[in-house]
């Protein structure tokens, strides 16, 4: 699943918004997750974790004018991919409004 969201801010601000939202989500939903890992490699966030025994992982790349989310969902979650993608797009559009 690949999602590209345009932004009109500098990379540092975009990265800050991703980091802030990630921590908010982990504080709210972290009790549903296990084996959560995330780390920054330059302007790329690498993440992984499990929810209800299903593993997901991916990256978030911050460019000068886009945030690119690449995620791998387990096969059992594939039927929900359009709904998941739609929700992420809505969330991201809100996050990157100037």
C-alpha atoms as a PDB file:
ATOM      1  CA  UNK A   1       0.000   0.000   0.000  1.00  0.00           C
ATOM      2  CA  UNK A   2       1.512   3.305  -1.089  1.00  0.00           C
ATOM      3  CA  UNK A   3       0.104   6.709  -0.198  1.00  0.00           C
ATOM      4  CA  UNK A   4       1.569  10.018  -1.363  1.00  0.00           C
ATOM      5  CA  UNK A   5       0.513  13.228   0.375  1.00  0.00           C
ATOM      6  CA  UNK A   6       1.688  16.623  -0.863  1.00  0.00           C
ATOM      7  CA  UNK A   7       2.831  19.230   1.648  1.00  0.00           C
ATOM      8  CA  UNK A   8       3.883  22.875   1.490  1.00  0.00           C
ATOM      9  CA  UNK A   9       6.236  23.065   4.443  1.00  0.00           C
ATOM     10  CA  UNK A  10       9.899  22.422   4.993  1.00  0.00           C
ATOM     11  CA  UNK A  11      11.090  18.877   5.640  1.00  0.00           C
ATOM     12  CA  UNK A  12      11.852  19.607   9.279  1.00  0.00           C
ATOM     13  CA  UNK A  13       8.303  20.778   9.995  1.00  0.00           C
ATOM     14  CA  UNK A  14       6.789  17.849   8.082  1.00  0.00           C
ATOM     15  CA  UNK A  15       8.965  15.406  10.040  1.00  0.00           C
ATOM     16  CA  UNK A  16       7.989  17.087  13.316  1.00  0.00           C
ATOM     17  CA  UNK A  17       4.293  16.642  12.494  1.00  0.00           C
ATOM     18  CA  UNK A  18       4.797  12.960  11.675  1.00  0.00           C
ATOM     19  CA  UNK A  19       6.720  12.409  14.922  1.00  0.00           C
ATOM     20  CA  UNK A  20       4.133  14.271  17.019  1.00  0.00           C
ATOM     21  CA  UNK A  21       1.208  12.358  15.500  1.00  0.00           C
ATOM     22  CA  UNK A  22       3.004   9.033  15.869  1.00  0.00           C
ATOM     23  CA  UNK A  23       3.453   9.637  19.595  1.00  0.00           C
ATOM     24  CA  UNK A  24      -0.196  10.696  19.948  1.00  0.00           C
ATOM     25  CA  UNK A  25      -1.355   7.520  18.209  1.00  0.00           C
ATOM     26  CA  UNK A  26       0.923   5.310  20.311  1.00  0.00           C
ATOM     27  CA  UNK A  27      -0.337   6.956  23.503  1.00  0.00           C
ATOM     28  CA  UNK A  28      -3.957   6.427  22.440  1.00  0.00           C
ATOM     29  CA  UNK A  29      -3.759   2.979  20.820  1.00  0.00           C
ATOM     30  CA  UNK A  30      -0.497   1.542  22.121  1.00  0.00           C
ATOM     31  CA  UNK A  31      -2.303  -0.906  24.408  1.00  0.00           C
ATOM     32  CA  UNK A  32      -3.630  -2.688  21.277  1.00  0.00           C
ATOM     33  CA  UNK A  33      -0.131  -3.076  19.829  1.00  0.00           C
ATOM     34  CA  UNK A  34       2.903  -5.215  20.524  1.00  0.00           C
ATOM     35  CA  UNK A  35       6.463  -5.370  19.236  1.00  0.00           C
ATOM     36  CA  UNK A  36       6.220  -1.740  18.126  1.00  0.00           C
ATOM     37  CA  UNK A  37       9.437  -0.349  16.713  1.00  0.00           C
ATOM     38  CA  UNK A  38      10.177   2.871  14.899  1.00  0.00           C
ATOM     39  CA  UNK A  39      13.347   4.725  14.045  1.00  0.00           C
ATOM     40  CA  UNK A  40      14.423   7.569  11.809  1.00  0.00           C
ATOM     41  CA  UNK A  41      17.025   6.934   9.125  1.00  0.00           C
ATOM     42  CA  UNK A  42      17.610  10.451   7.850  1.00  0.00           C
ATOM     43  CA  UNK A  43      14.273  11.623   6.441  1.00  0.00           C
ATOM     44  CA  UNK A  44      12.794   8.115   6.477  1.00  0.00           C
ATOM     45  CA  UNK A  45      10.782   6.682   9.356  1.00  0.00           C
ATOM     46  CA  UNK A  46      10.941   2.880   9.481  1.00  0.00           C
ATOM     47  CA  UNK A  47       8.181   1.249  11.524  1.00  0.00           C
ATOM     48  CA  UNK A  48       6.805  -2.163  12.447  1.00  0.00           C
ATOM     49  CA  UNK A  49       4.450  -3.692  14.948  1.00  0.00           C
ATOM     50  CA  UNK A  50       1.692  -6.186  15.618  1.00  0.00           C
ATOM     51  CA  UNK A  51      -2.004  -5.734  16.304  1.00  0.00           C
ATOM     52  CA  UNK A  52      -4.158  -8.725  17.220  1.00  0.00           C
ATOM     53  CA  UNK A  53      -1.305 -10.989  16.147  1.00  0.00           C
ATOM     54  CA  UNK A  54      -1.036  -9.430  12.673  1.00  0.00           C
ATOM     55  CA  UNK A  55       2.242  -7.795  11.723  1.00  0.00           C
ATOM     56  CA  UNK A  56       2.486  -4.606   9.675  1.00  0.00           C
ATOM     57  CA  UNK A  57       5.555  -2.653   8.668  1.00  0.00           C
ATOM     58  CA  UNK A  58       6.645   0.078   6.341  1.00  0.00           C
ATOM     59  CA  UNK A  59       8.276   3.438   5.865  1.00  0.00           C
ATOM     60  CA  UNK A  60       7.371   7.108   5.797  1.00  0.00           C
ATOM     61  CA  UNK A  61       9.628   9.208   3.554  1.00  0.00           C
ATOM     62  CA  UNK A  62       9.705  12.981   3.918  1.00  0.00           C
ATOM     63  CA  UNK A  63      10.656  14.818   0.716  1.00  0.00           C
ATOM     64  CA  UNK A  64      10.712  18.534  -0.065  1.00  0.00           C
ATOM     65  CA  UNK A  65       7.075  18.479  -1.186  1.00  0.00           C
ATOM     66  CA  UNK A  66       5.600  15.054  -0.320  1.00  0.00           C
ATOM     67  CA  UNK A  67       5.201  12.529   2.437  1.00  0.00           C
ATOM     68  CA  UNK A  68       5.266   9.006   1.022  1.00  0.00           C
ATOM     69  CA  UNK A  69       3.863   6.194   3.151  1.00  0.00           C
ATOM     70  CA  UNK A  70       4.705   2.667   2.076  1.00  0.00           C
ATOM     71  CA  UNK A  71       3.152  -0.045   4.206  1.00  0.00           C
ATOM     72  CA  UNK A  72       2.882  -3.795   4.063  1.00  0.00           C
ATOM     73  CA  UNK A  73      -0.279  -5.273   5.489  1.00  0.00           C
ATOM     74  CA  UNK A  74      -0.750  -8.943   6.301  1.00  0.00           C
ATOM     75  CA  UNK A  75      -2.717 -10.936   3.742  1.00  0.00           C
ATOM     76  CA  UNK A  76      -5.681 -11.243   6.106  1.00  0.00           C
ATOM     77  CA  UNK A  77      -5.975  -7.419   6.230  1.00  0.00           C
ATOM     78  CA  UNK A  78      -5.989  -6.951   2.428  1.00  0.00           C
ATOM     79  CA  UNK A  79      -9.812  -6.729   2.218  1.00  0.00           C
ATOM     80  CA  UNK A  80      -9.615  -3.687   4.520  1.00  0.00           C
ATOM     81  CA  UNK A  81      -6.862  -1.935   2.538  1.00  0.00           C
ATOM     82  CA  UNK A  82      -9.138   0.634   0.805  1.00  0.00           C
ATOM     83  CA  UNK A  83     -10.664   1.669   4.132  1.00  0.00           C
ATOM     84  CA  UNK A  84      -7.251   1.828   5.831  1.00  0.00           C
ATOM     85  CA  UNK A  85      -5.807   3.855   2.961  1.00  0.00           C
ATOM     86  CA  UNK A  86      -8.749   6.275   2.996  1.00  0.00           C
ATOM     87  CA  UNK A  87      -8.409   6.850   6.737  1.00  0.00           C
ATOM     88  CA  UNK A  88      -4.655   7.476   6.460  1.00  0.00           C
ATOM     89  CA  UNK A  89      -5.204   9.928   3.586  1.00  0.00           C
ATOM     90  CA  UNK A  90      -7.779  11.909   5.593  1.00  0.00           C
ATOM     91  CA  UNK A  91      -5.507  11.987   8.638  1.00  0.00           C
ATOM     92  CA  UNK A  92      -2.477  13.041   6.582  1.00  0.00           C
ATOM     93  CA  UNK A  93      -4.336  15.822   4.760  1.00  0.00           C
ATOM     94  CA  UNK A  94      -5.252  17.298   8.131  1.00  0.00           C
ATOM     95  CA  UNK A  95      -1.701  16.940   9.451  1.00  0.00           C
ATOM     96  CA  UNK A  96      -0.059  18.714   6.534  1.00  0.00           C
ATOM     97  CA  UNK A  97      -2.438  21.621   6.129  1.00  0.00           C
ATOM     98  CA  UNK A  98      -0.496  24.851   6.453  1.00  0.00           C
END
